Amino acid sequence: MVLPSARAGGAERVFVNLLQRLSRDIFELHLILIESSGAYLDMLPPDVQIHVLGYNRVGRALVKLAVVLRRLKPHVVMSSIGHLNLALLSIRPFLHKKTKVIVRESNMPSMSFATGAKFAFFRLLYPLLYSRADRIICPGIAIKNELENIFRISKEKMQTIPNPVLLENVRSQTAHHLNPFNQDGIHLVAAGSLTRQKGFDLLIIAMEKLAEIRPGLHLTIIGEGPERDELRHRICASKLEDSITLAGFQENPYAFFYHADLFVLSSRWEGLPNVVLESLACGTPVVAFDCPGSVREIFDDRSQGILVPAEDVEALAGAIDQFLAKRNGSHENTLLPERFDVKSVLAKYQDILIECCR
């Protein structure tokens, strides 16, 4: 498997989960990191062989990546995250002929690569390079449809496999953990990289409206990213310093998810968000924007949460208030649909890897 780093992120989390659970009787597992950094390094199993290329940009690591893969001669190499997938596929002609390449599209490329000249460039590059992949894994149907309809990628190569959640691990880290919120009241939690994609600026506006009707309501945002200072400025400008906490990276976010009254997803777009799956695994319902991506594919019924129109801050605030009005406070049972449990997902990944080895 190949990743840019071991920083906390959805695509990285999926690969860590797979590295922890793939059968050692079948596979010898290696992980190539473009750079050796990130909170997930400590979560990697000790029997996974790690190869660090020592670069801070994927583009600079292409030659060394090709050299390492030629030396290892893997049956299968798998990457995730769009720009890394393109990089791996660009060196495909230099790999051993028997090495199969699987790429996993973790996001909505039409949104990730924006518009204008950049989008036009990637619209040409995706079909050109993705045609070199032996298999393309899509976490959700919306992602698969976008690759097929916008980027003209053959549906014959694509397979939909949802993100695996280690349900037992998540539940074990919540059952006896102390409440991380240091004050009483009603608690919302959100999590993700502090970037424009995650829409925390929109969530702050929603909190302005909620503060008027629900005094004492508190929001905790878990994560780090380039927009931290801007978000802090917005919080201060809205006089919400006592109502919103930027909690940074948390080694055990599940304790926050479990003890929160509600999880909020304010993203402008998503792939298949792990944080929503993990919140449901903790038994905590979700209010989310019905943004471009596969968010709506997660929910089976209203006990799990409510979807509101994308970027509609009024609707988001209203749905949060509505859900809090009827909350029961019980998180004893998981709300995660069984199809996302690692036990269901792992077999699909193992099947596709074994098939590529033949």
Protein backbone atom coordinates (compact mmCIF):
# COMPACT_ATOMS: atom_id res chain seq x y z
CA MET A 1 0.00 0.00 0.00
CA VAL A 2 1.16 3.54 -0.71
CA LEU A 3 0.21 6.71 1.21
CA PRO A 4 1.54 10.28 1.22
CA SER A 5 1.96 10.12 5.02
CA ALA A 6 0.40 8.68 8.16
CA ARG A 7 -1.41 11.90 9.05
CA ALA A 8 -4.96 11.64 10.37
CA GLY A 9 -7.33 11.51 7.41
CA GLY A 10 -10.12 9.38 6.03
CA ALA A 11 -8.12 7.61 3.30
CA GLU A 12 -5.24 6.98 5.69
CA ARG A 13 -7.65 5.58 8.27
CA VAL A 14 -9.05 3.07 5.77
CA PHE A 15 -5.57 1.75 4.94
CA VAL A 16 -4.61 1.53 8.63
CA ASN A 17 -7.75 -0.50 9.31
CA LEU A 18 -6.96 -2.83 6.42
CA LEU A 19 -3.33 -3.24 7.49
CA GLN A 20 -4.54 -4.22 10.94
CA ARG A 21 -6.99 -6.85 9.72
CA LEU A 22 -5.88 -8.36 6.39
CA SER A 23 -4.99 -12.04 6.74
CA ARG A 24 -1.32 -12.72 7.46
CA ASP A 25 -1.85 -16.28 6.20
CA ILE A 26 -2.47 -14.87 2.72
CA PHE A 27 -0.60 -11.56 2.50
CA GLU A 28 2.84 -10.16 3.29
CA LEU A 29 2.10 -6.51 3.92
CA HIS A 30 4.27 -3.52 3.06
CA LEU A 31 3.50 0.20 3.40
CA ILE A 32 5.30 2.88 1.39
CA LEU A 33 5.12 6.41 2.86
CA ILE A 34 6.19 9.42 0.84
CA GLU A 35 7.07 11.07 4.15
CA SER A 36 7.26 9.56 7.63
CA SER A 37 4.93 11.73 9.68
CA GLY A 38 1.51 11.56 11.24
CA ALA A 39 -0.46 10.37 14.22
CA TYR A 40 -1.31 7.04 12.62
CA LEU A 41 2.30 5.80 12.71
CA ASP A 42 1.75 4.42 16.20
CA MET A 43 -1.32 2.50 14.99
CA LEU A 44 0.54 0.50 12.33
CA PRO A 45 0.97 -3.20 13.19
CA PRO A 46 4.60 -4.15 13.95
CA ASP A 47 4.68 -6.87 11.27
CA VAL A 48 3.95 -4.39 8.45
CA GLN A 49 7.19 -3.53 6.65
CA ILE A 50 7.42 0.25 6.22
CA HIS A 51 9.42 1.97 3.47
CA VAL A 52 9.88 5.75 3.82
CA LEU A 53 10.82 7.65 0.68
CA GLY A 54 11.74 10.84 2.55
CA TYR A 55 10.07 13.49 0.41
CA ASN A 56 7.53 16.16 1.31
CA ARG A 57 5.82 16.12 -2.10
CA VAL A 58 4.54 13.20 -4.13
CA GLY A 59 5.88 14.59 -7.41
CA ARG A 60 9.45 14.62 -6.13
CA ALA A 61 9.24 10.99 -5.00
CA LEU A 62 8.24 9.37 -8.32
CA VAL A 63 11.67 8.00 -9.28
CA LYS A 64 12.30 6.57 -5.80
CA LEU A 65 8.78 5.15 -5.66
CA ALA A 66 9.41 3.31 -8.94
CA VAL A 67 12.80 2.05 -7.69
CA VAL A 68 11.32 0.70 -4.43
CA LEU A 69 8.42 -1.01 -6.21
CA ARG A 70 10.75 -2.61 -8.74
CA ARG A 71 12.88 -3.91 -5.88
CA LEU A 72 9.94 -5.27 -3.89
CA LYS A 73 8.23 -6.81 -6.95
CA PRO A 74 4.80 -6.90 -5.22
CA HIS A 75 1.94 -8.92 -6.65
CA VAL A 76 -0.31 -5.93 -5.99
CA VAL A 77 0.28 -2.26 -5.15
CA MET A 78 -2.66 -0.18 -3.91
CA SER A 79 -2.91 3.57 -3.33
CA SER A 80 -5.59 6.02 -2.30
CA ILE A 81 -6.13 9.81 -2.69
CA GLY A 82 -6.49 11.21 -6.21
CA HIS A 83 -3.13 12.93 -6.78
CA LEU A 84 -1.20 9.92 -5.41
CA ASN A 85 -3.24 7.56 -7.60
CA LEU A 86 -2.30 9.62 -10.66
CA ALA A 87 1.36 9.60 -9.64
CA LEU A 88 1.41 5.82 -9.16
CA LEU A 89 -0.32 5.22 -12.48
CA SER A 90 2.11 7.55 -14.26
CA ILE A 91 5.01 5.21 -13.34
CA ARG A 92 3.05 2.06 -14.16
CA PRO A 93 5.12 1.42 -17.36
CA PHE A 94 8.29 1.22 -15.21
CA LEU A 95 6.94 -1.44 -12.80
CA HIS A 96 7.28 -5.17 -13.25
CA LYS A 97 4.73 -6.50 -15.70
CA LYS A 98 3.30 -8.92 -13.13
CA THR A 99 2.61 -6.15 -10.59
CA LYS A 100 -1.08 -5.27 -10.57
CA VAL A 101 -2.18 -1.76 -9.61
CA ILE A 102 -5.33 -0.95 -7.62
CA VAL A 103 -6.34 2.65 -6.93
CA ARG A 104 -8.99 3.72 -4.46
CA GLU A 105 -10.78 7.00 -5.22
CA SER A 106 -11.45 8.46 -1.79
CA ASN A 107 -13.20 11.71 -2.73
CA MET A 108 -15.19 13.54 -5.39
CA PRO A 109 -12.51 14.63 -7.88
CA SER A 110 -14.73 17.21 -9.60
CA MET A 111 -14.96 19.03 -6.25
CA SER A 112 -11.43 18.34 -5.02
CA PHE A 113 -9.85 19.75 -8.18
CA ALA A 114 -12.23 22.74 -8.32
CA THR A 115 -13.02 24.35 -11.67
CA GLY A 116 -11.39 26.23 -14.51
CA ALA A 117 -8.04 25.24 -16.01
CA LYS A 118 -7.15 22.89 -13.14
CA PHE A 119 -10.37 20.95 -13.52
CA ALA A 120 -9.94 20.78 -17.31
CA PHE A 121 -6.42 19.41 -16.83
CA PHE A 122 -7.53 16.66 -14.46
CA ARG A 123 -10.55 15.89 -16.60
CA LEU A 124 -8.07 14.89 -19.32
CA LEU A 125 -5.56 13.26 -16.97
CA TYR A 126 -8.00 10.99 -15.10
CA PRO A 127 -9.23 8.90 -18.06
CA LEU A 128 -5.73 8.82 -19.54
CA LEU A 129 -4.02 7.44 -16.43
CA TYR A 130 -6.88 5.59 -14.71
CA SER A 131 -7.08 3.37 -17.80
CA ARG A 132 -3.77 1.91 -16.59
CA ALA A 133 -5.29 0.62 -13.32
CA ASP A 134 -6.24 -3.03 -13.02
CA ARG A 135 -9.01 -2.21 -10.54
CA ILE A 136 -10.55 1.00 -9.20
CA ILE A 137 -12.22 0.89 -5.79
CA CYS A 138 -14.96 3.42 -5.03
CA PRO A 139 -16.25 3.76 -1.44
CA GLY A 140 -19.67 4.90 -2.66
CA ILE A 141 -21.96 4.83 -5.68
CA ALA A 142 -21.81 8.62 -6.11
CA ILE A 143 -18.02 8.47 -6.52
CA LYS A 144 -18.32 5.62 -9.01
CA ASN A 145 -20.94 7.51 -11.02
CA GLU A 146 -18.77 10.63 -11.13
CA LEU A 147 -15.74 8.71 -12.43
CA GLU A 148 -17.89 7.09 -15.09
CA ASN A 149 -20.01 10.06 -16.18
CA ILE A 150 -17.64 13.01 -15.83
CA PHE A 151 -14.21 11.44 -16.27
CA ARG A 152 -15.26 8.72 -18.75
CA ILE A 153 -13.65 5.87 -16.81
CA SER A 154 -14.77 2.35 -17.68
CA LYS A 155 -17.28 0.97 -15.21
CA GLU A 156 -15.91 -2.51 -15.90
CA LYS A 157 -12.80 -1.69 -13.86
CA MET A 158 -14.67 -0.17 -10.94
CA GLN A 159 -15.96 -1.88 -7.82
CA THR A 160 -17.84 -0.29 -4.92
CA ILE A 161 -16.46 -1.28 -1.51
CA PRO A 162 -17.43 0.84 1.53
CA ASN A 163 -15.00 2.01 4.19
CA PRO A 164 -14.30 -0.55 6.92
CA VAL A 165 -15.02 0.43 10.53
CA LEU A 166 -13.45 -1.57 13.37
CA LEU A 167 -16.70 -1.59 15.31
CA GLU A 168 -15.41 -3.61 18.26
CA ASN A 169 -12.36 -1.34 18.63
CA VAL A 170 -14.48 1.81 18.47
CA ARG A 171 -16.93 0.54 21.05
CA SER A 172 -14.14 -0.66 23.37
CA GLN A 173 -12.62 2.84 23.40
CA THR A 174 -15.91 4.41 24.49
CA ALA A 175 -17.38 1.96 26.98
CA HIS A 176 -15.30 2.87 30.03
CA HIS A 177 -13.72 6.15 28.98
CA LEU A 178 -14.37 9.23 31.08
CA ASN A 179 -16.48 12.01 29.62
CA PRO A 180 -14.01 14.34 27.84
CA PHE A 181 -16.33 17.35 28.02
CA ASN A 182 -15.31 19.43 31.03
CA GLN A 183 -18.66 21.11 31.47
CA ASP A 184 -22.31 20.11 31.74
CA GLY A 185 -24.87 20.95 29.10
CA ILE A 186 -25.69 19.86 25.57
CA HIS A 187 -22.72 18.95 23.41
CA LEU A 188 -22.29 18.87 19.64
CA VAL A 189 -19.17 17.43 18.07
CA ALA A 190 -17.67 17.78 14.60
CA ALA A 191 -14.40 16.39 13.25
CA GLY A 192 -12.17 16.67 10.22
CA SER A 193 -9.27 18.58 8.70
CA LEU A 194 -9.62 22.32 9.21
CA THR A 195 -10.06 23.10 5.51
CA ARG A 196 -12.69 24.77 3.36
CA GLN A 197 -14.06 21.38 2.30
CA LYS A 198 -15.23 20.59 5.83
CA GLY A 199 -17.37 23.74 6.05
CA PHE A 200 -16.65 24.59 9.68
CA ASP A 201 -17.13 28.26 8.79
CA LEU A 202 -20.73 27.37 7.91
CA LEU A 203 -21.10 25.48 11.18
CA ILE A 204 -19.97 28.55 13.14
CA ILE A 205 -22.73 30.57 11.46
CA ALA A 206 -25.23 27.85 12.44
CA MET A 207 -23.96 28.06 16.02
CA GLU A 208 -24.64 31.82 16.02
CA LYS A 209 -28.30 31.04 15.29
CA LEU A 210 -28.47 28.17 17.78
CA ALA A 211 -26.90 30.21 20.59
CA GLU A 212 -29.93 32.49 20.54
CA ILE A 213 -32.42 29.66 21.11
CA ARG A 214 -30.28 27.16 23.04
CA PRO A 215 -28.06 28.94 25.57
CA GLY A 216 -25.51 26.55 27.03
CA LEU A 217 -25.13 24.58 23.80
CA HIS A 218 -21.47 23.76 23.16
CA LEU A 219 -19.66 22.63 19.99
CA THR A 220 -16.31 20.82 19.98
CA ILE A 221 -14.42 20.64 16.66
CA ILE A 222 -11.76 17.92 16.52
CA GLY A 223 -8.94 18.21 13.98
CA GLU A 224 -6.06 20.30 12.71
CA GLY A 225 -5.48 22.11 9.44
CA PRO A 226 -4.53 25.32 7.64
CA GLU A 227 -7.74 27.20 8.50
CA ARG A 228 -7.34 26.98 12.27
CA ASP A 229 -6.42 30.66 12.75
CA GLU A 230 -9.21 31.83 10.44
CA LEU A 231 -11.77 29.70 12.29
CA ARG A 232 -10.52 31.03 15.63
CA HIS A 233 -10.97 34.58 14.31
CA ARG A 234 -14.54 33.78 13.16
CA ILE A 235 -15.37 32.31 16.58
CA CYS A 236 -14.10 35.41 18.36
CA ALA A 237 -15.84 37.76 15.94
CA SER A 238 -19.11 35.93 16.63
CA LYS A 239 -18.49 36.11 20.40
CA LEU A 240 -18.73 32.33 20.64
CA GLU A 241 -15.48 31.69 22.54
CA ASP A 242 -17.44 30.06 25.37
CA SER A 243 -19.58 28.02 22.99
CA ILE A 244 -17.06 26.55 20.52
CA THR A 245 -13.82 24.70 21.26
CA LEU A 246 -11.17 23.89 18.66
CA ALA A 247 -9.88 20.72 20.30
CA GLY A 248 -7.13 19.85 17.81
CA PHE A 249 -6.11 16.27 17.07
CA GLN A 250 -7.45 13.74 19.57
CA GLU A 251 -5.93 10.28 19.90
CA ASN A 252 -9.30 8.92 20.99
CA PRO A 253 -12.02 10.92 19.21
CA TYR A 254 -14.52 8.14 19.94
CA ALA A 255 -14.89 9.26 23.55
CA PHE A 256 -16.05 12.66 22.24
CA PHE A 257 -18.40 11.02 19.73
CA TYR A 258 -19.89 8.72 22.38
CA HIS A 259 -20.52 11.40 25.01
CA ALA A 260 -21.83 14.01 22.54
CA ASP A 261 -25.55 14.50 22.09
CA LEU A 262 -25.16 14.87 18.33
CA PHE A 263 -22.50 14.76 15.61
CA VAL A 264 -22.62 17.45 12.89
CA LEU A 265 -21.19 17.14 9.37
CA SER A 266 -20.97 20.54 7.70
CA SER A 267 -18.87 19.55 4.66
CA ARG A 268 -19.24 21.22 1.27
CA TRP A 269 -18.42 17.86 -0.31
CA GLU A 270 -17.29 14.44 0.89
CA GLY A 271 -16.30 11.00 -0.27
CA LEU A 272 -17.63 8.53 2.28
CA PRO A 273 -16.87 10.25 5.60
CA ASN A 274 -15.34 7.97 8.22
CA VAL A 275 -16.24 10.37 11.02
CA VAL A 276 -19.95 9.85 10.31
CA LEU A 277 -19.52 6.07 10.31
CA GLU A 278 -17.54 6.20 13.55
CA SER A 279 -20.09 8.46 15.25
CA LEU A 280 -22.85 6.03 14.32
CA ALA A 281 -20.69 3.18 15.62
CA CYS A 282 -20.60 5.05 18.94
CA GLY A 283 -24.40 5.23 18.93
CA THR A 284 -24.47 8.99 18.32
CA PRO A 285 -26.83 10.26 15.58
CA VAL A 286 -25.73 12.71 12.90
CA VAL A 287 -27.10 15.87 11.29
CA ALA A 288 -25.37 16.44 7.96
CA PHE A 289 -25.42 18.49 4.81
CA ASP A 290 -26.61 16.41 1.85
CA CYS A 291 -23.47 17.51 0.02
CA PRO A 292 -21.96 16.08 -3.18
CA GLY A 293 -20.59 12.63 -2.40
CA SER A 294 -21.79 9.46 -0.72
CA VAL A 295 -23.06 10.82 2.61
CA ARG A 296 -26.69 9.96 1.83
CA GLU A 297 -25.68 6.34 1.10
CA ILE A 298 -24.88 5.83 4.80
CA PHE A 299 -28.32 6.40 6.33
CA ASP A 300 -31.05 3.79 6.48
CA ASP A 301 -33.58 5.56 8.76
CA ARG A 302 -34.11 8.75 10.76
CA SER A 303 -32.88 7.20 14.01
CA GLN A 304 -29.38 7.56 12.54
CA GLY A 305 -29.76 11.23 11.64
CA ILE A 306 -31.10 13.93 9.36
CA LEU A 307 -29.83 15.23 6.03
CA VAL A 308 -30.44 18.87 5.08
CA PRO A 309 -29.76 20.69 1.78
CA ALA A 310 -26.09 21.35 1.11
CA GLU A 311 -24.72 24.60 2.59
CA ASP A 312 -28.17 25.59 3.91
CA VAL A 313 -27.14 26.98 7.27
CA GLU A 314 -30.72 27.77 8.36
CA ALA A 315 -31.77 24.18 7.66
CA LEU A 316 -28.71 22.84 9.49
CA ALA A 317 -29.45 24.89 12.61
CA GLY A 318 -33.12 23.90 12.46
CA ALA A 319 -32.34 20.19 12.14
CA ILE A 320 -29.89 20.32 15.05
CA ASP A 321 -32.51 22.02 17.22
CA GLN A 322 -35.15 19.52 16.12
CA PHE A 323 -32.96 16.52 16.91
CA LEU A 324 -31.86 17.87 20.30
CA ALA A 325 -35.50 18.43 21.28
CA LYS A 326 -36.19 14.69 21.12
CA ARG A 327 -32.80 13.22 22.08
CA ASN A 328 -32.93 10.26 24.45
CA GLY A 329 -29.28 10.28 25.54
CA SER A 330 -28.84 6.51 25.12
CA HIS A 331 -25.78 5.38 23.17
CA GLU A 332 -25.81 1.77 24.31
CA ASN A 333 -26.49 0.39 20.83
CA THR A 334 -24.54 1.06 17.67
CA LEU A 335 -26.32 2.90 14.85
CA LEU A 336 -23.78 1.75 12.24
CA PRO A 337 -25.28 -0.24 9.35
CA GLU A 338 -23.76 -3.72 9.28
CA ARG A 339 -22.43 -3.28 5.73
CA PHE A 340 -19.72 -0.90 7.06
CA ASP A 341 -18.43 -3.26 9.77
CA VAL A 342 -14.91 -4.45 8.95
CA LYS A 343 -16.15 -8.05 9.09
CA SER A 344 -18.33 -7.37 6.05
CA VAL A 345 -15.87 -5.13 4.17
CA LEU A 346 -12.67 -7.11 4.71
CA ALA A 347 -13.80 -10.10 2.68
CA LYS A 348 -14.43 -7.85 -0.34
CA TYR A 349 -10.96 -6.34 -0.14
CA GLN A 350 -9.33 -9.73 0.29
CA ASP A 351 -11.24 -11.12 -2.69
CA ILE A 352 -10.14 -8.32 -5.00
CA LEU A 353 -6.51 -8.58 -3.84
CA ILE A 354 -6.45 -12.35 -4.32
CA GLU A 355 -8.04 -11.99 -7.75
CA CYS A 356 -5.31 -9.56 -8.79
CA CYS A 357 -2.62 -11.98 -7.59
CA ARG A 358 -3.76 -14.71 -10.00
